[in-house]
């Protein structure tokens, strides 16, 4: 009788383990599907952010390019209108650079 009871308990235990394994498999499939959805959502968000950053970078590049061009034109115009002041400024800059170079060589 004890042997029959033990056999029945083992059979119930095996059935319970099979049930748990089946439940785990179902959970795994559900989690995998949810993970795929989450990954797709994260990917779409990253692609949107990349597109937006490229757009902003392009706008910034165009703005900097425009400012640089305008600064060059203004500098050229000023140099043509005030040649002596431009030469004096250039000599001052060269003198400052020379001073900084020689003072750094002494240290």
Protein backbone atom coordinates (compact mmCIF):
# COMPACT_ATOMS: atom_id res chain seq x y z
CA UNK A 1 0.00 0.00 0.00
CA UNK A 2 2.86 2.39 0.85
CA UNK A 3 4.48 1.53 -2.49
CA UNK A 4 1.26 2.38 -4.35
CA UNK A 5 0.93 5.65 -2.45
CA UNK A 6 4.53 6.53 -3.23
CA UNK A 7 4.03 5.69 -6.92
CA UNK A 8 0.92 7.86 -7.01
CA UNK A 9 2.80 10.74 -5.31
CA UNK A 10 5.64 10.49 -7.86
CA UNK A 11 3.11 10.47 -10.68
CA UNK A 12 1.45 13.60 -9.25
CA UNK A 13 4.85 15.24 -8.82
CA UNK A 14 5.77 14.52 -12.44
CA UNK A 15 2.44 15.93 -13.60
CA UNK A 16 3.02 19.05 -11.52
CA UNK A 17 6.55 19.47 -12.96
CA UNK A 18 5.15 19.09 -16.50
CA UNK A 19 2.54 21.73 -15.70
CA UNK A 20 5.19 24.12 -14.39
CA UNK A 21 7.37 23.52 -17.45
CA UNK A 22 4.41 24.19 -19.73
CA UNK A 23 3.60 27.39 -17.85
CA UNK A 24 7.22 28.52 -18.05
CA UNK A 25 7.27 27.87 -21.79
CA UNK A 26 4.14 29.97 -22.21
CA UNK A 27 5.64 32.77 -20.12
CA UNK A 28 8.85 32.60 -22.13
CA UNK A 29 6.97 32.97 -25.42
CA UNK A 30 4.97 35.89 -24.02
CA UNK A 31 8.10 37.54 -22.68
CA UNK A 32 9.87 37.07 -26.00
CA UNK A 33 7.00 38.70 -27.86
CA UNK A 34 6.90 41.57 -25.36
CA UNK A 35 10.68 41.93 -25.61
CA UNK A 36 10.44 42.13 -29.41
CA UNK A 37 7.78 44.81 -29.15
CA UNK A 38 9.86 46.75 -26.62
CA UNK A 39 12.96 46.43 -28.77
CA UNK A 40 11.05 47.64 -31.84
CA UNK A 41 9.74 50.61 -29.88
CA UNK A 42 13.22 51.49 -28.60
CA UNK A 43 14.62 51.18 -32.13
CA UNK A 44 11.96 53.50 -33.56
CA UNK A 45 12.69 56.06 -30.84
CA UNK A 46 16.42 55.86 -31.53
CA UNK A 47 15.87 56.28 -35.27
CA UNK A 48 13.64 59.31 -34.65
CA UNK A 49 16.28 60.84 -32.36
CA UNK A 50 19.00 60.19 -34.95
CA UNK A 51 16.94 61.81 -37.70
CA UNK A 52 16.23 64.83 -35.52
CA UNK A 53 19.88 65.21 -34.48
CA UNK A 54 20.99 65.01 -38.13
CA UNK A 55 18.50 67.71 -39.01
CA UNK A 56 19.67 69.94 -36.15
CA UNK A 57 23.31 69.34 -37.03
CA UNK A 58 22.63 70.28 -40.65
CA UNK A 59 20.86 73.47 -39.57
CA UNK A 60 23.73 74.34 -37.21
CA UNK A 61 26.31 73.68 -39.93
CA UNK A 62 24.45 75.95 -42.36
CA UNK A 63 24.19 78.69 -39.72
CA UNK A 64 27.89 78.51 -38.82
CA UNK A 65 28.86 78.45 -42.48
CA UNK A 66 26.73 81.53 -43.11
CA UNK A 67 28.18 83.39 -40.11
CA UNK A 68 31.73 82.49 -41.14
CA UNK A 69 31.10 83.72 -44.66
CA UNK A 70 29.63 87.00 -43.40
CA UNK A 71 32.57 87.48 -41.00
CA UNK A 72 35.00 86.91 -43.87
CA UNK A 73 33.21 89.41 -46.07
CA UNK A 74 33.13 91.98 -43.25
CA UNK A 75 36.84 91.48 -42.53
CA UNK A 76 37.73 91.82 -46.19
CA UNK A 77 35.61 94.97 -46.53
CA UNK A 78 37.12 96.52 -43.40
CA UNK A 79 40.63 95.72 -44.60
CA UNK A 80 39.96 97.37 -47.95
CA UNK A 81 38.43 100.46 -46.33
CA UNK A 82 41.06 100.84 -43.58
CA UNK A 83 44.39 99.47 -44.82
CA UNK A 84 46.59 101.25 -42.26
CA UNK A 85 44.47 100.13 -39.32
CA UNK A 86 44.50 96.57 -40.66
CA UNK A 87 48.28 96.61 -41.04
CA UNK A 88 48.68 98.02 -37.52
CA UNK A 89 46.38 95.34 -36.14
CA UNK A 90 48.32 92.63 -37.98
CA UNK A 91 51.63 93.94 -36.62
CA UNK A 92 50.16 93.99 -33.11
CA UNK A 93 48.98 90.39 -33.41
CA UNK A 94 52.36 89.26 -34.77
CA UNK A 95 54.13 91.09 -31.95
CA UNK A 96 51.90 89.45 -29.35
CA UNK A 97 52.46 86.01 -30.86
CA UNK A 98 56.22 86.59 -30.91
CA UNK A 99 56.21 87.72 -27.30
CA UNK A 100 54.18 84.67 -26.22
CA UNK A 101 56.47 82.33 -28.17
CA UNK A 102 59.69 83.72 -26.74
CA UNK A 103 58.34 83.92 -23.20
CA UNK A 104 57.28 80.26 -23.39
CA UNK A 105 60.78 79.29 -24.66
CA UNK A 106 62.48 80.89 -21.63
CA UNK A 107 60.43 78.85 -19.11
